[in-house]
Protein backbone atom coordinates (compact mmCIF):
# COMPACT_ATOMS: atom_id res chain seq x y z
CA MET A 1 -52.27 113.70 -29.83
CA GLU A 2 -54.28 114.44 -26.84
CA ILE A 3 -56.42 111.32 -27.27
CA ILE A 4 -53.40 109.04 -27.35
CA VAL A 5 -52.08 110.55 -24.18
CA LYS A 6 -55.37 110.00 -22.44
CA GLU A 7 -55.54 106.40 -23.56
CA LYS A 8 -52.04 105.85 -22.30
CA ARG A 9 -53.01 107.32 -18.99
CA LYS A 10 -56.11 105.13 -18.85
CA CYS A 11 -54.04 102.05 -19.60
CA VAL A 12 -51.58 103.01 -16.92
CA ILE A 13 -54.35 103.57 -14.48
CA HIS A 14 -56.05 100.35 -15.48
CA VAL A 15 -52.84 98.38 -15.06
CA ALA A 16 -52.28 99.95 -11.66
CA VAL A 17 -55.82 99.04 -10.62
CA GLU A 18 -55.36 95.46 -11.79
CA GLN A 19 -52.12 95.25 -9.87
CA GLU A 20 -53.91 96.54 -6.82
CA ARG A 21 -56.70 93.98 -7.30
CA LYS A 22 -54.27 91.01 -7.30
CA PRO A 23 -54.41 89.36 -3.86
CA LYS A 24 -51.23 89.68 -1.89
CA PRO A 25 -49.90 86.52 -0.23
CA SER A 26 -51.03 86.51 3.36
CA PRO A 27 -48.50 85.84 6.08
CA LYS A 28 -50.53 82.81 7.23
CA ARG A 29 -50.20 81.11 3.84
CA ALA A 30 -46.51 81.85 3.82
CA GLN A 31 -46.14 80.07 7.17
CA ARG A 32 -48.02 76.93 6.10
CA LYS A 33 -45.09 75.44 4.25
CA PRO A 34 -42.72 75.50 7.25
CA ALA A 35 -45.55 74.13 9.41
CA LYS A 36 -45.98 71.25 7.00
CA ARG A 37 -42.27 70.54 7.16
CA ASN A 38 -42.42 70.52 10.97
CA ASN A 39 -45.29 68.04 10.90
CA ASP A 40 -43.31 65.79 8.58
CA ASN A 41 -40.37 65.90 11.01
CA VAL A 42 -42.62 64.99 13.93
CA VAL A 43 -44.12 62.04 12.05
CA ALA A 44 -40.66 60.83 11.01
CA ALA A 45 -39.40 61.09 14.60
CA ARG A 46 -42.44 59.21 15.88
CA ASP A 47 -41.95 56.41 13.36
CA PHE A 48 -38.26 56.18 14.29
CA ILE A 49 -39.08 55.91 17.99
CA LEU A 50 -41.66 53.20 17.33
CA LYS A 51 -39.21 51.19 15.25
CA GLN A 52 -36.51 51.51 17.91
CA SER A 53 -38.90 50.51 20.69
CA LEU A 54 -40.01 47.44 18.74
CA ALA A 55 -36.40 46.55 18.09
CA MET A 56 -35.51 46.97 21.77
CA ALA A 57 -38.49 44.98 23.06
CA PRO A 58 -36.76 41.55 22.97
CA ILE A 59 -33.69 42.98 24.69
CA VAL A 60 -35.78 44.58 27.43
CA SER A 61 -37.66 41.32 27.97
CA CYS A 62 -34.39 39.39 28.18
CA VAL A 63 -32.96 41.85 30.68
CA THR A 64 -36.14 41.65 32.75
CA ALA A 65 -36.07 37.86 32.69
CA ALA A 66 -32.40 37.86 33.65
CA THR A 67 -33.10 40.23 36.51
CA ILE A 68 -35.91 38.02 37.77
CA ASN A 69 -33.75 34.91 37.53
CA VAL A 70 -30.74 36.50 39.24
CA VAL A 71 -32.50 37.04 42.56
CA PRO A 72 -33.16 33.37 43.42
CA HIS A 73 -29.65 32.32 42.34
CA THR A 74 -28.14 35.04 44.51
CA THR A 75 -30.18 33.87 47.49
CA ILE A 76 -29.16 30.27 46.91
CA THR A 77 -25.51 31.28 46.64
CA VAL A 78 -25.63 33.24 49.89
CA MET A 79 -27.35 30.35 51.65
CA SER A 80 -24.78 27.87 50.32
CA ILE A 81 -21.89 30.04 51.53
CA ASP A 82 -23.43 30.32 54.99
CA THR A 83 -23.97 26.57 55.17
CA PHE A 84 -20.43 25.92 53.94
CA VAL A 85 -18.88 28.20 56.58
CA GLN A 86 -20.97 26.77 59.42
CA THR A 87 -20.31 23.17 58.37
CA SER A 88 -16.56 23.78 57.97
CA LEU A 89 -16.32 25.34 61.44
CA TYR A 90 -18.33 22.45 62.88
CA PHE A 91 -16.00 19.86 61.35
CA LEU A 92 -12.99 21.88 62.48
CA ALA A 93 -14.27 21.85 66.07
CA LEU A 94 -14.76 18.07 65.88
CA ILE A 95 -11.31 17.49 64.39
CA ASN A 96 -9.81 19.75 67.09
CA PRO A 97 -6.37 20.75 65.74
CA ALA A 98 -5.18 21.52 69.29
CA SER A 99 -5.03 17.81 70.10
CA LYS A 100 -2.72 17.21 67.12
CA VAL A 101 -0.45 20.01 68.29
CA LEU A 102 -0.22 18.35 71.72
CA ILE A 103 0.70 14.95 70.35
CA LEU A 104 3.19 16.12 67.71
CA SER A 105 4.92 18.60 69.99
CA SER A 106 5.30 16.11 72.86
CA ILE A 107 6.98 13.36 70.84
CA GLN A 108 10.45 12.50 72.16
CA PRO A 109 12.84 12.79 70.45
CA PRO A 110 11.17 15.65 68.55
CA TYR A 111 10.41 15.30 64.88
CA SER A 112 12.50 17.01 62.25
CA LYS A 113 10.76 19.14 59.63
CA ARG A 114 10.90 16.35 57.07
CA GLU A 115 9.54 13.76 59.50
CA LEU A 116 6.79 16.12 60.61
CA LEU A 117 5.79 16.75 56.99
CA LYS A 118 5.72 13.01 56.26
CA VAL A 119 3.62 12.12 59.32
CA SER A 120 1.20 15.04 58.80
CA THR A 121 0.72 14.26 55.11
CA ARG A 122 0.02 10.56 55.68
CA ALA A 123 -2.41 11.26 58.52
CA THR A 124 -4.23 13.95 56.57
CA PHE A 125 -4.75 11.92 53.39
CA ALA A 126 -5.74 8.77 55.31
CA ALA A 127 -8.34 10.66 57.36
CA LEU A 128 -9.61 12.50 54.28
CA LEU A 129 -10.05 9.22 52.41
CA ILE A 130 -11.97 7.68 55.31
CA LEU A 131 -14.27 10.67 55.80
CA LEU A 132 -14.96 11.26 52.11
CA SER A 133 -15.75 7.59 51.54
CA LEU A 134 -18.14 7.49 54.49
CA SER A 135 -19.81 10.76 53.50
CA VAL A 136 -20.58 9.30 50.06
CA ILE A 137 -21.55 5.70 50.89
CA GLY A 138 -21.96 5.86 54.68
CA TYR A 139 -25.69 6.53 54.57
CA PHE A 140 -26.20 3.61 52.16
CA LEU A 141 -24.16 1.28 54.39
CA LEU A 142 -26.04 2.27 57.52
CA LYS A 143 -29.53 2.41 56.06
CA LYS A 144 -29.54 -0.41 53.52
CA ILE A 145 -27.02 -2.91 54.86
CA PHE A 146 -26.84 -2.49 58.65
CA GLN A 147 -30.38 -1.07 59.04
CA VAL A 148 -29.12 1.66 61.39
CA GLU A 149 -30.78 5.07 61.57
CA ILE A 150 -28.84 8.31 61.58
CA TYR A 151 -30.07 9.29 65.04
CA SER A 152 -28.68 6.05 66.49
CA LEU A 153 -25.27 6.87 65.07
CA GLN A 154 -25.52 10.41 66.44
CA VAL A 155 -26.27 9.15 69.96
CA ALA A 156 -23.47 6.55 69.92
CA GLY A 157 -20.93 8.93 68.40
CA GLY A 158 -21.90 11.66 70.85
CA ILE A 159 -21.32 9.37 73.84
CA ILE A 160 -17.86 8.35 72.61
CA LEU A 161 -16.97 11.93 71.77
CA PHE A 162 -18.11 13.05 75.23
CA ILE A 163 -15.72 10.55 76.85
CA ILE A 164 -12.84 11.95 74.74
CA GLY A 165 -13.71 15.52 75.71
CA LEU A 166 -14.06 14.58 79.37
CA THR A 167 -10.62 12.97 79.31
CA ALA A 168 -9.13 16.18 77.90
CA VAL A 169 -10.82 18.26 80.59
CA ARG A 170 -9.64 16.01 83.42
CA LYS A 171 -6.10 15.13 82.29
CA GLY A 172 -5.22 17.98 79.95
CA ARG A 173 -4.60 15.71 76.96
CA PHE A 174 -6.73 14.00 74.31
CA TYR A 175 -4.45 11.02 73.82
CA GLU A 176 -2.23 9.30 76.32
CA GLN A 177 0.56 7.06 75.04
CA ASP A 178 1.93 4.21 77.09
CA PRO A 179 5.59 5.00 77.79
CA GLN A 180 6.46 1.26 77.92
CA ALA A 181 5.09 0.64 74.43
CA PRO A 182 7.64 0.61 71.59
CA SER A 183 7.77 3.68 69.38
CA MET A 184 5.80 3.29 66.17
CA ASP A 185 4.33 5.31 63.36
CA ILE A 186 1.42 7.36 64.70
CA SER A 187 0.33 8.81 61.36
CA ILE A 188 -2.49 6.29 60.87
CA VAL A 189 -3.27 5.44 64.50
CA PRO A 190 -4.05 7.58 66.45
CA LEU A 191 -3.66 10.69 64.21
CA ALA A 192 -5.74 9.69 61.16
CA ALA A 193 -8.16 7.62 63.27
CA PRO A 194 -9.57 8.29 65.78
CA LEU A 195 -8.19 11.81 66.31
CA ILE A 196 -9.03 13.25 62.85
CA ALA A 197 -11.57 10.74 61.54
CA GLY A 198 -13.08 10.07 64.93
CA PRO A 199 -16.58 8.89 65.82
CA GLY A 200 -17.93 12.42 66.06
CA THR A 201 -16.48 13.47 62.71
CA ILE A 202 -17.69 10.28 61.01
CA THR A 203 -21.18 10.72 62.43
CA ALA A 204 -21.31 14.36 61.34
CA ALA A 205 -20.04 13.49 57.83
CA ILE A 206 -22.73 10.86 57.29
CA SER A 207 -25.58 12.92 58.78
CA PHE A 208 -24.57 16.15 57.00
CA SER A 209 -24.34 14.42 53.63
CA SER A 210 -27.92 13.23 54.01
CA THR A 211 -29.25 16.64 55.12
CA HIS A 212 -27.09 19.27 53.34
CA GLY A 213 -25.92 17.23 50.35
CA VAL A 214 -22.77 15.31 49.49
CA SER A 215 -21.01 18.08 47.57
CA ILE A 216 -21.10 20.73 50.30
CA THR A 217 -20.16 18.09 52.91
CA ILE A 218 -17.11 17.03 50.91
CA LEU A 219 -16.06 20.65 50.38
CA SER A 220 -16.46 21.48 54.08
CA LEU A 221 -14.58 18.34 55.16
CA THR A 222 -11.71 19.09 52.79
CA THR A 223 -11.46 22.69 54.02
CA ALA A 224 -11.45 21.68 57.70
CA ILE A 225 -8.87 18.93 57.17
CA MET A 226 -6.59 21.25 55.17
CA ILE A 227 -6.71 23.82 57.98
CA ASN A 228 -5.85 21.04 60.42
CA PHE A 229 -2.96 20.01 58.15
CA VAL A 230 -1.49 23.53 58.27
CA VAL A 231 -1.79 23.52 62.07
CA MET A 232 -0.06 20.13 62.23
CA LEU A 233 2.86 21.43 60.17
CA SER A 234 3.21 24.31 62.65
CA SER A 235 2.79 22.11 65.73
CA LEU A 236 6.43 22.28 66.87
CA TRP A 237 6.51 26.07 66.79
CA ILE A 238 3.03 26.37 68.32
CA GLY A 239 3.92 23.92 71.09
CA LYS A 240 7.07 25.81 72.04
CA THR A 241 5.22 29.13 72.05
CA LEU A 242 2.39 27.82 74.21
CA GLU A 243 4.78 26.17 76.64
CA ARG A 244 6.70 29.42 76.95
CA PHE A 245 3.58 31.27 78.10
CA ARG A 246 2.25 28.24 80.03
CA VAL A 247 -1.14 28.24 78.34
CA PHE A 248 -0.92 24.84 76.68
CA GLY A 249 -2.75 22.92 79.43
CA PRO A 250 -5.62 25.40 79.84
CA LEU A 251 -6.10 25.55 76.07
CA ILE A 252 -6.42 21.76 75.86
CA ARG A 253 -8.98 21.75 78.68
CA ILE A 254 -11.03 24.50 77.02
CA ALA A 255 -10.96 22.57 73.74
CA GLY A 256 -12.04 19.42 75.61
CA LEU A 257 -14.97 21.30 77.11
CA ILE A 258 -16.05 22.45 73.65
CA VAL A 259 -15.79 18.88 72.34
CA ALA A 260 -17.90 17.61 75.27
CA ALA A 261 -20.54 20.28 74.57
CA VAL A 262 -20.65 19.29 70.88
CA ALA A 263 -21.05 15.66 71.94
CA VAL A 264 -24.00 16.50 74.21
CA GLN A 265 -25.63 18.43 71.35
CA MET A 266 -25.20 15.42 69.06
CA VAL A 267 -26.89 13.16 71.63
CA LEU A 268 -29.78 15.58 72.13
CA THR A 269 -30.26 15.96 68.37
CA GLY A 270 -30.36 12.19 67.91
CA ILE A 271 -32.87 11.76 70.74
CA SER A 272 -35.09 14.52 69.36
CA GLN A 273 -35.04 12.93 65.89
CA TRP A 274 -36.07 9.62 67.45
CA LEU A 275 -38.81 11.10 69.64
CA THR A 276 -40.42 13.25 66.92
CA PRO A 277 -42.03 10.41 64.91
CA VAL A 278 -42.87 8.50 68.10
CA LEU A 279 -44.74 11.43 69.65
CA SER A 280 -46.49 12.24 66.37
CA ALA A 281 -47.65 8.60 66.08
CA THR A 282 -49.11 8.58 69.61
CA LYS A 283 -51.17 11.69 68.85
């Protein structure tokens, strides 16, 4: 009995020793599995970012190209707007709506609203047709058929326009009607031509279409003539208001001075365009 007990004790001791000899899992080995999972997540995230970047590459290139292309178009648009505004104001100064107010408000007996609308509409569309036609084919007629240079037309138109402005400065009116002449329709002559489509306006329309382009010249001409049309429709009310404050005469003289200055500038521009090739050829 004693031997069996000893053997049992030895077995128990031996088993305990073997259990002690078994290596215990180290904490580093236990942490390797989560570390491996973290590495897998990093690789998956990296692959996802690469795929998304490759997918977004065409879009980024398109956006970059669009951004590069937008800048010139924006500059061109701003330049076109500036040219349009300057050209429209230039044509408006040449048309001189104040002279139309003087003529329409001084007609005796005065026009009714319907008659004023009829005369203003006919004069506006006739002048617009003349100016638009000359701005499109005027350069061809002058250059190819009549063999006339643009600077010659600028000098001649400037001289005639200067005489009209000088008359307004001296007499306080742009157009003087003979009281002994029978009353007639003034919508075509003198309103449409030469007061709206006058020599200065015709010269500017032809020269601007050759320098700035036909489209922007047509748009500027239409804008200036439409503004003049609105002023013509309000001529009776404007004339009464100006006469009430006695500023009608001084306003006409100031407008005549501006017209004379524009005429002098046209003459100087034409002379400079003529002298430039001559002086360059002598050198």
